[in-house]
Amino acid sequence: MLPATPIVFVVDDDVSVRESLEPLIRCEGWRSQAFASADEFLAHPRASTPSCLVLDLTLPGLNGLELQERIAGDRSDMPIIFISGYGDVPKTVRAMKAGAVEFLVKPFNDDDLLSSIRQAIERSQSTLAAQSKLRELRQRLVSLTPREREVMNLVVTGLLNKQVGAKLGISEITVKAHRGKVMEKMRAESIADLVKMVGRLDSATSPGGRSGKSPEA
């Protein structure tokens, strides 16, 4: 299966900017989709391929910074490159602190924009790959029985089979059997590997409990 062609979304109310950027983007082998407003962009179905957003700071209705804030929570795989007709240090700082890849002032150099887009797409690809791995880990976690999760949560803290058995009130042999199933189902090659997996799951779960206890599919 061939990798999906990255999409560069452009949101700018200036039709001349949209028309000039589309062929530039396509010449690099990327797909381009342009919108005249933030609302038009938000109404478009979310992309499941590597992508980035070239976003004008000043827009009718929802402005660029407001759009950045709106999509920050659920579109972390879509880095933003801001473009603006004037330099505004406070807004530039705000955009960059919120995770923007670059802030370019019009008229900008085509090579500068293309370089920023390449960087943004690489970031998008990395984010999507990490999200895919996390989804796979969560699916493996769901396959564990409650007892296997209990054993796993204790094993990754460094406890020996005998100690895990004492805490759970089961025999060392039973712990060993559950531990083997955990390693098999999680596809962990070693305890160190399992510790990394659990750490990855924990870091992606909101505070309030180990993901092994309350997994999210």
C-alpha atoms as a PDB file:
ATOM      1  CA  MET A   1       0.000   0.000   0.000  1.00  0.00           C
ATOM      2  CA  LEU A   2       1.481   3.334  -1.068  1.00  0.00           C
ATOM      3  CA  PRO A   3       1.805   6.064   1.574  1.00  0.00           C
ATOM      4  CA  ALA A   4      -0.879   8.751   1.405  1.00  0.00           C
ATOM      5  CA  THR A   5       0.087  12.011  -0.264  1.00  0.00           C
ATOM      6  CA  PRO A   6       0.407  14.777   2.354  1.00  0.00           C
ATOM      7  CA  ILE A   7      -2.172  17.557   2.266  1.00  0.00           C
ATOM      8  CA  VAL A   8      -1.341  21.232   2.719  1.00  0.00           C
ATOM      9  CA  PHE A   9      -4.404  23.164   3.827  1.00  0.00           C
ATOM     10  CA  VAL A  10      -4.401  26.897   3.120  1.00  0.00           C
ATOM     11  CA  VAL A  11      -6.769  29.268   4.928  1.00  0.00           C
ATOM     12  CA  ASP A  12      -6.561  32.836   3.638  1.00  0.00           C
ATOM     13  CA  ASP A  13      -9.329  35.264   2.705  1.00  0.00           C
ATOM     14  CA  ASP A  14      -7.194  36.725  -0.103  1.00  0.00           C
ATOM     15  CA  VAL A  15      -8.044  34.797  -3.265  1.00  0.00           C
ATOM     16  CA  SER A  16      -4.783  35.855  -4.936  1.00  0.00           C
ATOM     17  CA  VAL A  17      -2.797  34.249  -2.108  1.00  0.00           C
ATOM     18  CA  ARG A  18      -4.779  31.024  -2.354  1.00  0.00           C
ATOM     19  CA  GLU A  19      -4.390  30.887  -6.131  1.00  0.00           C
ATOM     20  CA  SER A  20      -0.643  31.516  -5.965  1.00  0.00           C
ATOM     21  CA  LEU A  21       0.029  28.956  -3.228  1.00  0.00           C
ATOM     22  CA  GLU A  22      -1.916  26.047  -4.705  1.00  0.00           C
ATOM     23  CA  PRO A  23       0.328  25.465  -7.780  1.00  0.00           C
ATOM     24  CA  LEU A  24       3.444  26.052  -5.648  1.00  0.00           C
ATOM     25  CA  ILE A  25       2.346  23.352  -3.234  1.00  0.00           C
ATOM     26  CA  ARG A  26       1.354  20.899  -5.953  1.00  0.00           C
ATOM     27  CA  CYS A  27       4.708  21.299  -7.707  1.00  0.00           C
ATOM     28  CA  GLU A  28       6.298  19.777  -4.612  1.00  0.00           C
ATOM     29  CA  GLY A  29       4.116  16.677  -4.923  1.00  0.00           C
ATOM     30  CA  TRP A  30       1.707  17.571  -2.125  1.00  0.00           C
ATOM     31  CA  ARG A  31      -2.046  17.981  -2.363  1.00  0.00           C
ATOM     32  CA  SER A  32      -3.501  21.412  -1.729  1.00  0.00           C
ATOM     33  CA  GLN A  33      -6.888  22.404  -0.361  1.00  0.00           C
ATOM     34  CA  ALA A  34      -7.694  26.078   0.135  1.00  0.00           C
ATOM     35  CA  PHE A  35     -10.379  27.861   2.152  1.00  0.00           C
ATOM     36  CA  ALA A  36     -11.418  31.502   2.464  1.00  0.00           C
ATOM     37  CA  SER A  37     -12.286  31.353   6.158  1.00  0.00           C
ATOM     38  CA  ALA A  38     -11.794  29.393   9.349  1.00  0.00           C
ATOM     39  CA  ASP A  39     -15.421  28.287   9.294  1.00  0.00           C
ATOM     40  CA  GLU A  40     -15.017  26.797   5.801  1.00  0.00           C
ATOM     41  CA  PHE A  41     -11.967  24.892   6.982  1.00  0.00           C
ATOM     42  CA  LEU A  42     -13.700  23.592  10.125  1.00  0.00           C
ATOM     43  CA  ALA A  43     -16.621  22.353   8.032  1.00  0.00           C
ATOM     44  CA  HIS A  44     -14.266  20.211   5.959  1.00  0.00           C
ATOM     45  CA  PRO A  45     -13.823  16.552   7.039  1.00  0.00           C
ATOM     46  CA  ARG A  46     -10.724  15.905   9.104  1.00  0.00           C
ATOM     47  CA  ALA A  47      -7.770  14.447   7.188  1.00  0.00           C
ATOM     48  CA  SER A  48      -6.312  11.090   8.237  1.00  0.00           C
ATOM     49  CA  THR A  49      -3.124  11.636   6.243  1.00  0.00           C
ATOM     50  CA  PRO A  50      -0.002  13.675   7.023  1.00  0.00           C
ATOM     51  CA  SER A  51      -0.936  17.330   6.705  1.00  0.00           C
ATOM     52  CA  CYS A  52      -0.219  20.885   7.746  1.00  0.00           C
ATOM     53  CA  LEU A  53      -2.079  24.176   7.782  1.00  0.00           C
ATOM     54  CA  VAL A  54      -0.874  27.406   6.180  1.00  0.00           C
ATOM     55  CA  LEU A  55      -2.969  29.905   8.096  1.00  0.00           C
ATOM     56  CA  ASP A  56      -3.499  33.641   7.655  1.00  0.00           C
ATOM     57  CA  LEU A  57      -3.442  35.537  10.926  1.00  0.00           C
ATOM     58  CA  THR A  58      -6.262  37.927   9.995  1.00  0.00           C
ATOM     59  CA  LEU A  59      -9.469  36.314   8.782  1.00  0.00           C
ATOM     60  CA  PRO A  60     -13.151  37.260   8.657  1.00  0.00           C
ATOM     61  CA  GLY A  61     -14.963  35.816  11.658  1.00  0.00           C
ATOM     62  CA  LEU A  62     -12.696  33.427  13.530  1.00  0.00           C
ATOM     63  CA  ASN A  63      -9.110  34.696  13.202  1.00  0.00           C
ATOM     64  CA  GLY A  64      -5.983  32.599  12.828  1.00  0.00           C
ATOM     65  CA  LEU A  65      -5.046  32.507  16.500  1.00  0.00           C
ATOM     66  CA  GLU A  66      -8.601  31.583  17.467  1.00  0.00           C
ATOM     67  CA  LEU A  67      -8.606  28.772  14.910  1.00  0.00           C
ATOM     68  CA  GLN A  68      -5.268  27.538  16.246  1.00  0.00           C
ATOM     69  CA  GLU A  69      -6.755  27.412  19.737  1.00  0.00           C
ATOM     70  CA  ARG A  70      -9.929  25.706  18.480  1.00  0.00           C
ATOM     71  CA  ILE A  71      -8.109  22.787  16.809  1.00  0.00           C
ATOM     72  CA  ALA A  72      -5.223  22.430  19.284  1.00  0.00           C
ATOM     73  CA  GLY A  73      -6.881  19.637  21.236  1.00  0.00           C
ATOM     74  CA  ASP A  74      -7.928  17.276  18.451  1.00  0.00           C
ATOM     75  CA  ARG A  75      -5.626  18.063  15.526  1.00  0.00           C
ATOM     76  CA  SER A  76      -2.168  17.829  17.053  1.00  0.00           C
ATOM     77  CA  ASP A  77      -1.128  15.925  13.924  1.00  0.00           C
ATOM     78  CA  MET A  78      -1.665  19.075  11.818  1.00  0.00           C
ATOM     79  CA  PRO A  79       1.152  21.601  12.456  1.00  0.00           C
ATOM     80  CA  ILE A  80       0.437  25.238  11.634  1.00  0.00           C
ATOM     81  CA  ILE A  81       2.450  27.760   9.626  1.00  0.00           C
ATOM     82  CA  PHE A  82       1.182  31.306  10.120  1.00  0.00           C
ATOM     83  CA  ILE A  83       1.331  33.914   7.370  1.00  0.00           C
ATOM     84  CA  SER A  84       0.520  37.589   7.886  1.00  0.00           C
ATOM     85  CA  GLY A  85       0.568  40.877   6.032  1.00  0.00           C
ATOM     86  CA  TYR A  86       2.381  42.563   8.893  1.00  0.00           C
ATOM     87  CA  GLY A  87       4.688  41.722  11.746  1.00  0.00           C
ATOM     88  CA  ASP A  88       3.120  41.599  15.201  1.00  0.00           C
ATOM     89  CA  VAL A  89       5.556  40.480  17.890  1.00  0.00           C
ATOM     90  CA  PRO A  90       3.001  39.657  20.634  1.00  0.00           C
ATOM     91  CA  LYS A  91       0.848  37.625  18.232  1.00  0.00           C
ATOM     92  CA  THR A  92       3.907  35.923  16.765  1.00  0.00           C
ATOM     93  CA  VAL A  93       5.057  34.917  20.242  1.00  0.00           C
ATOM     94  CA  ARG A  94       1.572  33.683  21.103  1.00  0.00           C
ATOM     95  CA  ALA A  95       1.378  31.600  17.927  1.00  0.00           C
ATOM     96  CA  MET A  96       4.818  30.055  18.406  1.00  0.00           C
ATOM     97  CA  LYS A  97       4.194  29.277  22.087  1.00  0.00           C
ATOM     98  CA  ALA A  98       1.024  27.471  21.034  1.00  0.00           C
ATOM     99  CA  GLY A  99       3.081  25.213  18.762  1.00  0.00           C
ATOM    100  CA  ALA A 100       3.208  26.928  15.356  1.00  0.00           C
ATOM    101  CA  VAL A 101       6.053  25.760  13.109  1.00  0.00           C
ATOM    102  CA  GLU A 102       6.751  29.193  11.644  1.00  0.00           C
ATOM    103  CA  PHE A 103       5.384  32.732  11.334  1.00  0.00           C
ATOM    104  CA  LEU A 104       6.051  34.274   7.910  1.00  0.00           C
ATOM    105  CA  VAL A 105       5.362  37.895   6.982  1.00  0.00           C
ATOM    106  CA  LYS A 106       3.971  38.607   3.504  1.00  0.00           C
ATOM    107  CA  PRO A 107       5.478  38.846   0.991  1.00  0.00           C
ATOM    108  CA  PHE A 108       7.537  35.849   1.991  1.00  0.00           C
ATOM    109  CA  ASN A 109      10.068  33.846   0.024  1.00  0.00           C
ATOM    110  CA  ASP A 110       8.629  30.712  -1.604  1.00  0.00           C
ATOM    111  CA  ASP A 111      11.605  28.646  -0.459  1.00  0.00           C
ATOM    112  CA  ASP A 112      11.036  29.731   3.150  1.00  0.00           C
ATOM    113  CA  LEU A 113       7.426  28.616   2.967  1.00  0.00           C
ATOM    114  CA  LEU A 114       8.273  25.292   1.305  1.00  0.00           C
ATOM    115  CA  SER A 115      10.964  24.616   3.888  1.00  0.00           C
ATOM    116  CA  SER A 116       8.457  25.279   6.674  1.00  0.00           C
ATOM    117  CA  ILE A 117       5.895  23.002   5.017  1.00  0.00           C
ATOM    118  CA  ARG A 118       8.445  20.163   4.766  1.00  0.00           C
ATOM    119  CA  GLN A 119       9.224  20.545   8.457  1.00  0.00           C
ATOM    120  CA  ALA A 120       5.525  20.609   9.334  1.00  0.00           C
ATOM    121  CA  ILE A 121       4.731  17.507   7.270  1.00  0.00           C
ATOM    122  CA  GLU A 122       7.624  15.607   8.862  1.00  0.00           C
ATOM    123  CA  ARG A 123       6.226  16.539  12.270  1.00  0.00           C
ATOM    124  CA  SER A 124       2.758  15.418  11.179  1.00  0.00           C
ATOM    125  CA  GLN A 125       4.099  12.071   9.973  1.00  0.00           C
ATOM    126  CA  SER A 126       5.906  11.500  13.280  1.00  0.00           C
ATOM    127  CA  THR A 127       2.806  12.414  15.286  1.00  0.00           C
ATOM    128  CA  LEU A 128       0.547  10.126  13.251  1.00  0.00           C
ATOM    129  CA  ALA A 129       3.030   7.249  13.616  1.00  0.00           C
ATOM    130  CA  ALA A 130       3.160   7.755  17.396  1.00  0.00           C
ATOM    131  CA  GLN A 131      -0.642   7.872  17.586  1.00  0.00           C
ATOM    132  CA  SER A 132      -0.883   4.650  15.584  1.00  0.00           C
ATOM    133  CA  LYS A 133       1.557   2.882  17.930  1.00  0.00           C
ATOM    134  CA  LEU A 134      -0.392   4.132  20.945  1.00  0.00           C
ATOM    135  CA  ARG A 135      -3.677   2.840  19.527  1.00  0.00           C
ATOM    136  CA  GLU A 136      -2.032  -0.552  18.966  1.00  0.00           C
ATOM    137  CA  LEU A 137      -0.732  -0.613  22.546  1.00  0.00           C
ATOM    138  CA  ARG A 138      -4.198   0.201  23.860  1.00  0.00           C
ATOM    139  CA  GLN A 139      -5.673  -2.639  21.824  1.00  0.00           C
ATOM    140  CA  ARG A 140      -3.124  -5.025  23.328  1.00  0.00           C
ATOM    141  CA  LEU A 141      -3.928  -3.709  26.793  1.00  0.00           C
ATOM    142  CA  VAL A 142      -7.642  -4.330  26.304  1.00  0.00           C
ATOM    143  CA  SER A 143      -6.870  -7.986  25.533  1.00  0.00           C
ATOM    144  CA  LEU A 144      -5.504  -8.530  29.067  1.00  0.00           C
ATOM    145  CA  THR A 145      -7.708  -9.997  31.764  1.00  0.00           C
ATOM    146  CA  PRO A 146      -8.171  -7.990  35.008  1.00  0.00           C
ATOM    147  CA  ARG A 147      -5.778 -10.327  36.825  1.00  0.00           C
ATOM    148  CA  GLU A 148      -3.171 -10.029  34.069  1.00  0.00           C
ATOM    149  CA  ARG A 149      -3.353  -6.246  34.366  1.00  0.00           C
ATOM    150  CA  GLU A 150      -2.858  -6.479  38.126  1.00  0.00           C
ATOM    151  CA  VAL A 151       0.189  -8.678  37.612  1.00  0.00           C
ATOM    152  CA  MET A 152       1.563  -6.359  34.924  1.00  0.00           C
ATOM    153  CA  ASN A 153       1.138  -3.249  37.066  1.00  0.00           C
ATOM    154  CA  LEU A 154       3.132  -4.880  39.875  1.00  0.00           C
ATOM    155  CA  VAL A 155       5.775  -6.493  37.659  1.00  0.00           C
ATOM    156  CA  VAL A 156       6.713  -3.183  36.012  1.00  0.00           C
ATOM    157  CA  THR A 157       7.455  -1.708  39.449  1.00  0.00           C
ATOM    158  CA  GLY A 158      10.285  -4.229  39.785  1.00  0.00           C
ATOM    159  CA  LEU A 159       8.650  -6.774  42.099  1.00  0.00           C
ATOM    160  CA  LEU A 160       9.628 -10.419  41.808  1.00  0.00           C
ATOM    161  CA  ASN A 161       7.070 -13.129  41.107  1.00  0.00           C
ATOM    162  CA  LYS A 162       7.055 -14.165  44.768  1.00  0.00           C
ATOM    163  CA  GLN A 163       6.423 -10.588  45.893  1.00  0.00           C
ATOM    164  CA  VAL A 164       3.658 -10.100  43.325  1.00  0.00           C
ATOM    165  CA  GLY A 165       2.034 -13.341  44.515  1.00  0.00           C
ATOM    166  CA  ALA A 166       2.142 -12.185  48.140  1.00  0.00           C
ATOM    167  CA  LYS A 167       0.444  -8.893  47.257  1.00  0.00           C
ATOM    168  CA  LEU A 168      -2.277 -10.552  45.198  1.00  0.00           C
ATOM    169  CA  GLY A 169      -2.740 -13.636  47.352  1.00  0.00           C
ATOM    170  CA  ILE A 170      -1.853 -16.084  44.580  1.00  0.00           C
ATOM    171  CA  SER A 171       0.963 -18.588  44.136  1.00  0.00           C
ATOM    172  CA  GLU A 172       4.288 -17.771  42.521  1.00  0.00           C
ATOM    173  CA  ILE A 173       3.549 -20.331  39.794  1.00  0.00           C
ATOM    174  CA  THR A 174       0.260 -18.607  38.992  1.00  0.00           C
ATOM    175  CA  VAL A 175       2.026 -15.246  38.839  1.00  0.00           C
ATOM    176  CA  LYS A 176       4.564 -16.708  36.439  1.00  0.00           C
ATOM    177  CA  ALA A 177       1.764 -18.008  34.191  1.00  0.00           C
ATOM    178  CA  HIS A 178      -0.015 -14.619  34.168  1.00  0.00           C
ATOM    179  CA  ARG A 179       3.267 -12.835  33.558  1.00  0.00           C
ATOM    180  CA  GLY A 180       3.927 -15.046  30.533  1.00  0.00           C
ATOM    181  CA  LYS A 181       0.494 -14.225  29.130  1.00  0.00           C
ATOM    182  CA  VAL A 182       1.104 -10.504  29.676  1.00  0.00           C
ATOM    183  CA  MET A 183       4.392 -10.655  27.805  1.00  0.00           C
ATOM    184  CA  GLU A 184       2.740 -12.581  24.976  1.00  0.00           C
ATOM    185  CA  LYS A 185      -0.326 -10.374  24.623  1.00  0.00           C
ATOM    186  CA  MET A 186       1.607  -7.093  24.938  1.00  0.00           C
ATOM    187  CA  ARG A 187       4.261  -8.468  22.555  1.00  0.00           C
ATOM    188  CA  ALA A 188       6.986  -7.370  24.937  1.00  0.00           C
ATOM    189  CA  GLU A 189      10.416  -8.875  24.345  1.00  0.00           C
ATOM    190  CA  SER A 190      11.625  -8.118  27.876  1.00  0.00           C
ATOM    191  CA  ILE A 191      10.484  -6.577  31.157  1.00  0.00           C
ATOM    192  CA  ALA A 192      12.292  -3.395  30.153  1.00  0.00           C
ATOM    193  CA  ASP A 193      10.241  -3.369  26.964  1.00  0.00           C
ATOM    194  CA  LEU A 194       7.044  -3.851  28.978  1.00  0.00           C
ATOM    195  CA  VAL A 195       7.990  -1.012  31.325  1.00  0.00           C
ATOM    196  CA  LYS A 196       8.378   1.311  28.335  1.00  0.00           C
ATOM    197  CA  MET A 197       4.985   0.268  26.986  1.00  0.00           C
ATOM    198  CA  VAL A 198       3.233   0.923  30.293  1.00  0.00           C
ATOM    199  CA  GLY A 199       5.043   4.240  30.623  1.00  0.00           C
ATOM    200  CA  ARG A 200       3.862   5.244  27.151  1.00  0.00           C
ATOM    201  CA  LEU A 201       0.291   4.323  28.027  1.00  0.00           C
ATOM    202  CA  ASP A 202       0.452   6.166  31.342  1.00  0.00           C
ATOM    203  CA  SER A 203       1.832   9.341  29.781  1.00  0.00           C
ATOM    204  CA  ALA A 204      -1.051   9.389  27.287  1.00  0.00           C
ATOM    205  CA  THR A 205      -3.682   8.975  29.993  1.00  0.00           C
ATOM    206  CA  SER A 206      -5.103  11.849  32.009  1.00  0.00           C
ATOM    207  CA  PRO A 207      -4.128  12.041  35.708  1.00  0.00           C
ATOM    208  CA  GLY A 208      -6.137   9.922  38.088  1.00  0.00           C
ATOM    209  CA  GLY A 209      -4.956   6.375  37.581  1.00  0.00           C
ATOM    210  CA  ARG A 210      -2.737   3.973  35.689  1.00  0.00           C
ATOM    211  CA  SER A 211      -3.900   3.304  32.154  1.00  0.00           C
ATOM    212  CA  GLY A 212      -3.585  -0.406  32.878  1.00  0.00           C
ATOM    213  CA  LYS A 213      -6.474  -0.014  35.314  1.00  0.00           C
ATOM    214  CA  SER A 214      -8.666   2.208  33.198  1.00  0.00           C
ATOM    215  CA  PRO A 215      -7.681   1.741  29.567  1.00  0.00           C
ATOM    216  CA  GLU A 216      -9.133   3.799  26.802  1.00  0.00           C
ATOM    217  CA  ALA A 217      -9.776   1.966  23.577  1.00  0.00           C
END
